């Protein structure tokens, strides 16, 4: 809920959080391409939770060009590789919510979630306590993962 309320506040001020985050919060941006970027989720489910976002503002998956699709897929592969190399998760959740009814907090700008998963990473805290227990600060996650996105 904190994420949705924060995003709505930012949307009211600036139009679209995903359109402004690369310039407003560059410390969270791990990679930039010509058509898409990778950003750490501000309110992660697990350390390393990333979003793959097209620069172009659209909420319609069918609106993406073949070039955008290609770069988004490349960013997705780079993200999984970086997380696997840095954190060694046991698996991943990769997906998107299309439209408000599907759970999209920001339905007007497409974005893919990449969530690293480890055996035993789920517990009662998110459900009962409405709290997430994260063993790592966002800045520390960014420090670790940023070098994995270096072109080379």
C-alpha atoms as a PDB file:
ATOM      1  CA  UNK A   1       0.000   0.000   0.000  1.00  0.00           C
ATOM      2  CA  UNK A   2       2.895   2.325   0.776  1.00  0.00           C
ATOM      3  CA  UNK A   3       4.167   1.850  -2.779  1.00  0.00           C
ATOM      4  CA  UNK A   4       0.786   2.538  -4.375  1.00  0.00           C
ATOM      5  CA  UNK A   5       0.187   5.641  -2.251  1.00  0.00           C
ATOM      6  CA  UNK A   6       3.711   6.944  -2.915  1.00  0.00           C
ATOM      7  CA  UNK A   7       3.376   6.230  -6.639  1.00  0.00           C
ATOM      8  CA  UNK A   8       0.007   7.975  -6.780  1.00  0.00           C
ATOM      9  CA  UNK A   9       1.472  11.042  -5.046  1.00  0.00           C
ATOM     10  CA  UNK A  10       4.343  11.088  -7.537  1.00  0.00           C
ATOM     11  CA  UNK A  11       1.939  10.588 -10.443  1.00  0.00           C
ATOM     12  CA  UNK A  12      -0.142  13.555  -9.341  1.00  0.00           C
ATOM     13  CA  UNK A  13       2.996  15.704  -9.144  1.00  0.00           C
ATOM     14  CA  UNK A  14       4.879  14.550 -12.229  1.00  0.00           C
ATOM     15  CA  UNK A  15       2.633  12.511 -14.499  1.00  0.00           C
ATOM     16  CA  UNK A  16       4.286   9.046 -14.427  1.00  0.00           C
ATOM     17  CA  UNK A  17       6.795   7.677 -11.942  1.00  0.00           C
ATOM     18  CA  UNK A  18       8.408   5.425 -14.580  1.00  0.00           C
ATOM     19  CA  UNK A  19       8.860   8.366 -16.923  1.00  0.00           C
ATOM     20  CA  UNK A  20      10.730  10.413 -14.297  1.00  0.00           C
ATOM     21  CA  UNK A  21      12.551   7.843 -12.144  1.00  0.00           C
ATOM     22  CA  UNK A  22      15.640   7.547 -14.404  1.00  0.00           C
ATOM     23  CA  UNK A  23      16.383  11.242 -13.890  1.00  0.00           C
ATOM     24  CA  UNK A  24      14.975  11.665 -10.391  1.00  0.00           C
ATOM     25  CA  UNK A  25      16.488   8.544  -8.791  1.00  0.00           C
ATOM     26  CA  UNK A  26      19.496   7.527 -10.916  1.00  0.00           C
ATOM     27  CA  UNK A  27      21.021   5.656  -7.960  1.00  0.00           C
ATOM     28  CA  UNK A  28      18.339   2.963  -8.398  1.00  0.00           C
ATOM     29  CA  UNK A  29      18.859   2.611 -12.163  1.00  0.00           C
ATOM     30  CA  UNK A  30      21.151  -0.335 -12.880  1.00  0.00           C
ATOM     31  CA  UNK A  31      21.171  -0.231 -16.689  1.00  0.00           C
ATOM     32  CA  UNK A  32      19.994   2.075 -19.470  1.00  0.00           C
ATOM     33  CA  UNK A  33      19.507   1.117 -23.059  1.00  0.00           C
ATOM     34  CA  UNK A  34      18.162   3.166 -25.941  1.00  0.00           C
ATOM     35  CA  UNK A  35      14.572   2.016 -25.399  1.00  0.00           C
ATOM     36  CA  UNK A  36      14.430   0.533 -21.888  1.00  0.00           C
ATOM     37  CA  UNK A  37      16.032   0.563 -18.463  1.00  0.00           C
ATOM     38  CA  UNK A  38      16.448  -1.615 -15.364  1.00  0.00           C
ATOM     39  CA  UNK A  39      15.646  -0.154 -11.960  1.00  0.00           C
ATOM     40  CA  UNK A  40      15.605  -1.576  -8.447  1.00  0.00           C
ATOM     41  CA  UNK A  41      12.072  -1.664  -7.064  1.00  0.00           C
ATOM     42  CA  UNK A  42      11.696   1.029  -4.412  1.00  0.00           C
ATOM     43  CA  UNK A  43       9.619  -1.347  -2.269  1.00  0.00           C
ATOM     44  CA  UNK A  44      11.124  -4.774  -3.029  1.00  0.00           C
ATOM     45  CA  UNK A  45       9.583  -8.139  -2.224  1.00  0.00           C
ATOM     46  CA  UNK A  46      13.122  -9.520  -1.858  1.00  0.00           C
ATOM     47  CA  UNK A  47      16.612  -7.978  -2.136  1.00  0.00           C
ATOM     48  CA  UNK A  48      17.375  -7.504  -5.812  1.00  0.00           C
ATOM     49  CA  UNK A  49      13.743  -7.093  -6.939  1.00  0.00           C
ATOM     50  CA  UNK A  50      14.104  -5.260 -10.259  1.00  0.00           C
ATOM     51  CA  UNK A  51      11.786  -3.705 -12.788  1.00  0.00           C
ATOM     52  CA  UNK A  52      12.417  -3.749 -16.541  1.00  0.00           C
ATOM     53  CA  UNK A  53      10.762  -0.647 -18.010  1.00  0.00           C
ATOM     54  CA  UNK A  54      10.424   0.778 -21.523  1.00  0.00           C
ATOM     55  CA  UNK A  55      11.279   4.471 -21.691  1.00  0.00           C
ATOM     56  CA  UNK A  56       8.235   5.064 -23.856  1.00  0.00           C
ATOM     57  CA  UNK A  57       5.068   5.609 -21.851  1.00  0.00           C
ATOM     58  CA  UNK A  58       2.539   2.900 -22.713  1.00  0.00           C
ATOM     59  CA  UNK A  59       0.333   0.551 -20.762  1.00  0.00           C
ATOM     60  CA  UNK A  60      -0.511  -1.624 -23.761  1.00  0.00           C
ATOM     61  CA  UNK A  61       1.712  -4.648 -24.354  1.00  0.00           C
ATOM     62  CA  UNK A  62       0.576  -4.822 -27.967  1.00  0.00           C
ATOM     63  CA  UNK A  63       1.826  -1.258 -28.469  1.00  0.00           C
ATOM     64  CA  UNK A  64       5.490  -2.231 -28.116  1.00  0.00           C
ATOM     65  CA  UNK A  65       7.624  -2.190 -31.241  1.00  0.00           C
ATOM     66  CA  UNK A  66       9.791  -5.181 -32.170  1.00  0.00           C
ATOM     67  CA  UNK A  67      12.828  -3.083 -31.233  1.00  0.00           C
ATOM     68  CA  UNK A  68      11.407  -2.317 -27.784  1.00  0.00           C
ATOM     69  CA  UNK A  69      10.525  -5.987 -27.272  1.00  0.00           C
ATOM     70  CA  UNK A  70      14.059  -6.982 -28.219  1.00  0.00           C
ATOM     71  CA  UNK A  71      15.718  -4.565 -25.843  1.00  0.00           C
ATOM     72  CA  UNK A  72      13.316  -5.420 -23.011  1.00  0.00           C
ATOM     73  CA  UNK A  73      14.106  -9.120 -23.446  1.00  0.00           C
ATOM     74  CA  UNK A  74      17.835  -8.374 -23.458  1.00  0.00           C
ATOM     75  CA  UNK A  75      17.446  -6.334 -20.251  1.00  0.00           C
ATOM     76  CA  UNK A  76      15.479  -9.190 -18.701  1.00  0.00           C
ATOM     77  CA  UNK A  77      18.246 -11.678 -19.517  1.00  0.00           C
ATOM     78  CA  UNK A  78      20.926  -9.325 -18.160  1.00  0.00           C
ATOM     79  CA  UNK A  79      18.919  -8.895 -14.957  1.00  0.00           C
ATOM     80  CA  UNK A  80      18.525 -12.613 -14.338  1.00  0.00           C
ATOM     81  CA  UNK A  81      22.215 -13.169 -15.095  1.00  0.00           C
ATOM     82  CA  UNK A  82      23.323 -10.360 -12.762  1.00  0.00           C
ATOM     83  CA  UNK A  83      21.160 -11.643  -9.911  1.00  0.00           C
ATOM     84  CA  UNK A  84      22.292 -15.240 -10.450  1.00  0.00           C
ATOM     85  CA  UNK A  85      25.972 -14.227 -10.440  1.00  0.00           C
ATOM     86  CA  UNK A  86      25.735 -11.858  -7.477  1.00  0.00           C
ATOM     87  CA  UNK A  87      23.168 -13.447  -5.183  1.00  0.00           C
ATOM     88  CA  UNK A  88      22.769 -17.081  -6.248  1.00  0.00           C
ATOM     89  CA  UNK A  89      18.978 -17.314  -5.866  1.00  0.00           C
ATOM     90  CA  UNK A  90      17.233 -20.687  -6.090  1.00  0.00           C
ATOM     91  CA  UNK A  91      14.746 -19.338  -8.626  1.00  0.00           C
ATOM     92  CA  UNK A  92      12.968 -16.270  -9.995  1.00  0.00           C
ATOM     93  CA  UNK A  93       9.495 -14.842 -10.398  1.00  0.00           C
ATOM     94  CA  UNK A  94       9.320 -12.892 -13.667  1.00  0.00           C
ATOM     95  CA  UNK A  95       6.111 -11.236 -14.734  1.00  0.00           C
ATOM     96  CA  UNK A  96       3.869  -8.258 -15.184  1.00  0.00           C
ATOM     97  CA  UNK A  97       0.368  -7.193 -14.269  1.00  0.00           C
ATOM     98  CA  UNK A  98      -1.591  -5.747 -17.175  1.00  0.00           C
ATOM     99  CA  UNK A  99      -4.318  -3.359 -16.011  1.00  0.00           C
ATOM    100  CA  UNK A 100      -5.555  -2.273 -12.605  1.00  0.00           C
ATOM    101  CA  UNK A 101      -7.748  -5.331 -12.123  1.00  0.00           C
ATOM    102  CA  UNK A 102      -4.713  -7.602 -12.438  1.00  0.00           C
ATOM    103  CA  UNK A 103      -2.945  -5.818  -9.602  1.00  0.00           C
ATOM    104  CA  UNK A 104      -0.895  -3.268 -11.523  1.00  0.00           C
ATOM    105  CA  UNK A 105      -0.143  -0.366  -9.196  1.00  0.00           C
ATOM    106  CA  UNK A 106       0.907   1.743 -12.197  1.00  0.00           C
ATOM    107  CA  UNK A 107      -1.192   0.364 -15.061  1.00  0.00           C
ATOM    108  CA  UNK A 108      -0.404   3.075 -17.614  1.00  0.00           C
ATOM    109  CA  UNK A 109       3.313   2.247 -17.963  1.00  0.00           C
ATOM    110  CA  UNK A 110       4.364  -1.344 -18.671  1.00  0.00           C
ATOM    111  CA  UNK A 111       6.988  -2.904 -16.433  1.00  0.00           C
ATOM    112  CA  UNK A 112       8.246  -6.408 -15.795  1.00  0.00           C
ATOM    113  CA  UNK A 113       9.077  -7.587 -12.279  1.00  0.00           C
ATOM    114  CA  UNK A 114      12.135  -9.770 -11.713  1.00  0.00           C
ATOM    115  CA  UNK A 115      12.103 -11.159  -8.174  1.00  0.00           C
ATOM    116  CA  UNK A 116      14.923 -13.433  -6.974  1.00  0.00           C
ATOM    117  CA  UNK A 117      13.698 -16.272  -4.752  1.00  0.00           C
ATOM    118  CA  UNK A 118      15.441 -18.454  -2.198  1.00  0.00           C
ATOM    119  CA  UNK A 119      14.255 -21.564  -0.417  1.00  0.00           C
ATOM    120  CA  UNK A 120      12.532 -20.388   2.752  1.00  0.00           C
ATOM    121  CA  UNK A 121      12.250 -16.719   1.734  1.00  0.00           C
ATOM    122  CA  UNK A 122       8.513 -16.641   2.348  1.00  0.00           C
ATOM    123  CA  UNK A 123       7.181 -16.392   5.851  1.00  0.00           C
ATOM    124  CA  UNK A 124       4.206 -15.091   7.791  1.00  0.00           C
ATOM    125  CA  UNK A 125       5.523 -11.522   8.212  1.00  0.00           C
ATOM    126  CA  UNK A 126       4.153 -10.044   4.948  1.00  0.00           C
ATOM    127  CA  UNK A 127       0.729 -11.557   5.573  1.00  0.00           C
ATOM    128  CA  UNK A 128       0.175 -11.268   9.332  1.00  0.00           C
ATOM    129  CA  UNK A 129       2.329  -8.293  10.201  1.00  0.00           C
ATOM    130  CA  UNK A 130       1.891  -6.381   6.947  1.00  0.00           C
ATOM    131  CA  UNK A 131       5.675  -6.009   7.074  1.00  0.00           C
ATOM    132  CA  UNK A 132       8.490  -7.159   4.835  1.00  0.00           C
ATOM    133  CA  UNK A 133      11.658  -8.379   6.438  1.00  0.00           C
ATOM    134  CA  UNK A 134      14.534  -7.535   4.120  1.00  0.00           C
ATOM    135  CA  UNK A 135      18.090  -8.372   5.126  1.00  0.00           C
ATOM    136  CA  UNK A 136      19.614  -5.689   2.905  1.00  0.00           C
ATOM    137  CA  UNK A 137      19.166  -1.969   2.310  1.00  0.00           C
ATOM    138  CA  UNK A 138      18.332  -0.830  -1.224  1.00  0.00           C
ATOM    139  CA  UNK A 139      21.589   1.146  -1.527  1.00  0.00           C
ATOM    140  CA  UNK A 140      23.599  -1.966  -0.628  1.00  0.00           C
ATOM    141  CA  UNK A 141      21.730  -4.036  -3.219  1.00  0.00           C
ATOM    142  CA  UNK A 142      22.459  -1.347  -5.841  1.00  0.00           C
ATOM    143  CA  UNK A 143      26.158  -1.270  -4.857  1.00  0.00           C
ATOM    144  CA  UNK A 144      26.443  -5.033  -5.331  1.00  0.00           C
ATOM    145  CA  UNK A 145      24.473  -5.338  -8.566  1.00  0.00           C
ATOM    146  CA  UNK A 146      25.616  -2.237 -10.483  1.00  0.00           C
ATOM    147  CA  UNK A 147      28.964  -3.748 -11.540  1.00  0.00           C
ATOM    148  CA  UNK A 148      27.122  -6.782 -12.954  1.00  0.00           C
ATOM    149  CA  UNK A 149      25.469  -4.497 -15.515  1.00  0.00           C
ATOM    150  CA  UNK A 150      28.722  -2.918 -16.679  1.00  0.00           C
ATOM    151  CA  UNK A 151      29.155  -3.416 -20.399  1.00  0.00           C
ATOM    152  CA  UNK A 152      32.199  -5.406 -21.161  1.00  0.00           C
END
